[in-house]
Amino acid sequence: MSPRSRRRESDDDLLVTLGGLAIVGLVLVKVGQWVWAHWWVLVVLGLLGLLALAGCAYRQVDQMRSAQLTVGA
């Protein structure tokens, strides 16, 4: 492989990488604009996440209490 063809492949790889970064940047900008316009969706998702976490913690504590009652009996 000649140095010229290696350089061409390197340039192609660089262009593909830069194109990919440009696309990712545009997607992030669009997502950021959507989130800024619909901030309440994040609040609702956060509250649902907290409810799910509280439910899991409650279930875990209930299982531990049941296990202690079983062992203690």
C-alpha atoms as a PDB file:
ATOM      1  CA  MET A   1       0.000   0.000   0.000  1.00  0.00           C
ATOM      2  CA  SER A   2       1.443   3.323  -0.990  1.00  0.00           C
ATOM      3  CA  PRO A   3       1.694   6.279   1.381  1.00  0.00           C
ATOM      4  CA  ARG A   4      -0.682   8.223  -0.863  1.00  0.00           C
ATOM      5  CA  SER A   5      -3.469   5.623  -0.578  1.00  0.00           C
ATOM      6  CA  ARG A   6      -2.945   5.395   3.189  1.00  0.00           C
ATOM      7  CA  ARG A   7      -3.316   9.171   3.429  1.00  0.00           C
ATOM      8  CA  ARG A   8      -6.496   9.036   1.327  1.00  0.00           C
ATOM      9  CA  GLU A   9      -7.983   6.389   3.634  1.00  0.00           C
ATOM     10  CA  SER A  10      -6.988   8.462   6.645  1.00  0.00           C
ATOM     11  CA  ASP A  11      -8.654  11.528   5.112  1.00  0.00           C
ATOM     12  CA  ASP A  12     -11.797   9.479   4.395  1.00  0.00           C
ATOM     13  CA  ASP A  13     -11.872   8.227   7.974  1.00  0.00           C
ATOM     14  CA  LEU A  14     -11.501  11.789   9.241  1.00  0.00           C
ATOM     15  CA  LEU A  15     -14.369  13.003   7.040  1.00  0.00           C
ATOM     16  CA  VAL A  16     -16.623  10.168   8.212  1.00  0.00           C
ATOM     17  CA  THR A  17     -15.765  10.931  11.836  1.00  0.00           C
ATOM     18  CA  LEU A  18     -16.422  14.656  11.399  1.00  0.00           C
ATOM     19  CA  GLY A  19     -19.691  13.936   9.609  1.00  0.00           C
ATOM     20  CA  GLY A  20     -20.757  11.636  12.437  1.00  0.00           C
ATOM     21  CA  LEU A  21     -19.882  14.250  15.032  1.00  0.00           C
ATOM     22  CA  ALA A  22     -21.846  16.881  13.114  1.00  0.00           C
ATOM     23  CA  ILE A  23     -24.919  14.624  13.023  1.00  0.00           C
ATOM     24  CA  VAL A  24     -24.623  13.837  16.739  1.00  0.00           C
ATOM     25  CA  GLY A  25     -24.286  17.549  17.480  1.00  0.00           C
ATOM     26  CA  LEU A  26     -27.401  18.391  15.469  1.00  0.00           C
ATOM     27  CA  VAL A  27     -29.392  15.657  17.202  1.00  0.00           C
ATOM     28  CA  LEU A  28     -28.267  16.910  20.614  1.00  0.00           C
ATOM     29  CA  VAL A  29     -29.275  20.463  19.716  1.00  0.00           C
ATOM     30  CA  LYS A  30     -32.719  19.304  18.573  1.00  0.00           C
ATOM     31  CA  VAL A  31     -33.205  17.190  21.699  1.00  0.00           C
ATOM     32  CA  GLY A  32     -32.122  20.140  23.832  1.00  0.00           C
ATOM     33  CA  GLN A  33     -34.610  22.418  22.088  1.00  0.00           C
ATOM     34  CA  TRP A  34     -37.395  19.887  22.614  1.00  0.00           C
ATOM     35  CA  VAL A  35     -36.532  19.449  26.282  1.00  0.00           C
ATOM     36  CA  TRP A  36     -36.424  23.227  26.773  1.00  0.00           C
ATOM     37  CA  ALA A  37     -39.897  23.548  25.227  1.00  0.00           C
ATOM     38  CA  HIS A  38     -41.326  20.540  27.116  1.00  0.00           C
ATOM     39  CA  TRP A  39     -39.592  20.772  30.494  1.00  0.00           C
ATOM     40  CA  TRP A  40     -42.677  19.495  32.277  1.00  0.00           C
ATOM     41  CA  VAL A  41     -42.181  16.064  30.690  1.00  0.00           C
ATOM     42  CA  LEU A  42     -38.884  15.730  32.559  1.00  0.00           C
ATOM     43  CA  VAL A  43     -40.584  16.738  35.801  1.00  0.00           C
ATOM     44  CA  VAL A  44     -43.279  14.084  35.306  1.00  0.00           C
ATOM     45  CA  LEU A  45     -40.687  11.434  34.411  1.00  0.00           C
ATOM     46  CA  GLY A  46     -38.651  12.374  37.473  1.00  0.00           C
ATOM     47  CA  LEU A  47     -41.684  12.052  39.738  1.00  0.00           C
ATOM     48  CA  LEU A  48     -42.575   8.682  38.208  1.00  0.00           C
ATOM     49  CA  GLY A  49     -39.000   7.541  38.767  1.00  0.00           C
ATOM     50  CA  LEU A  50     -39.153   8.606  42.401  1.00  0.00           C
ATOM     51  CA  LEU A  51     -42.452   6.746  42.861  1.00  0.00           C
ATOM     52  CA  ALA A  52     -40.947   3.609  41.328  1.00  0.00           C
ATOM     53  CA  LEU A  53     -37.895   3.892  43.576  1.00  0.00           C
ATOM     54  CA  ALA A  54     -40.078   4.368  46.654  1.00  0.00           C
ATOM     55  CA  GLY A  55     -42.154   1.337  45.653  1.00  0.00           C
ATOM     56  CA  CYS A  56     -39.049  -0.822  45.280  1.00  0.00           C
ATOM     57  CA  ALA A  57     -37.703   0.352  48.628  1.00  0.00           C
ATOM     58  CA  TYR A  58     -41.060  -0.344  50.316  1.00  0.00           C
ATOM     59  CA  ARG A  59     -41.181  -3.839  48.823  1.00  0.00           C
ATOM     60  CA  GLN A  60     -37.605  -4.535  49.928  1.00  0.00           C
ATOM     61  CA  VAL A  61     -38.336  -3.417  53.494  1.00  0.00           C
ATOM     62  CA  ASP A  62     -41.521  -5.512  53.535  1.00  0.00           C
ATOM     63  CA  GLN A  63     -39.593  -8.597  52.382  1.00  0.00           C
ATOM     64  CA  MET A  64     -36.953  -8.027  55.075  1.00  0.00           C
ATOM     65  CA  ARG A  65     -39.650  -7.716  57.767  1.00  0.00           C
ATOM     66  CA  SER A  66     -41.329 -10.905  56.542  1.00  0.00           C
ATOM     67  CA  ALA A  67     -37.992 -12.733  56.627  1.00  0.00           C
ATOM     68  CA  GLN A  68     -37.321 -11.518  60.185  1.00  0.00           C
ATOM     69  CA  LEU A  69     -40.764 -12.644  61.329  1.00  0.00           C
ATOM     70  CA  THR A  70     -40.225 -16.054  59.735  1.00  0.00           C
ATOM     71  CA  VAL A  71     -36.815 -16.477  61.384  1.00  0.00           C
ATOM     72  CA  GLY A  72     -38.098 -15.206  64.720  1.00  0.00           C
ATOM     73  CA  ALA A  73     -41.093 -17.554  64.810  1.00  0.00           C
END
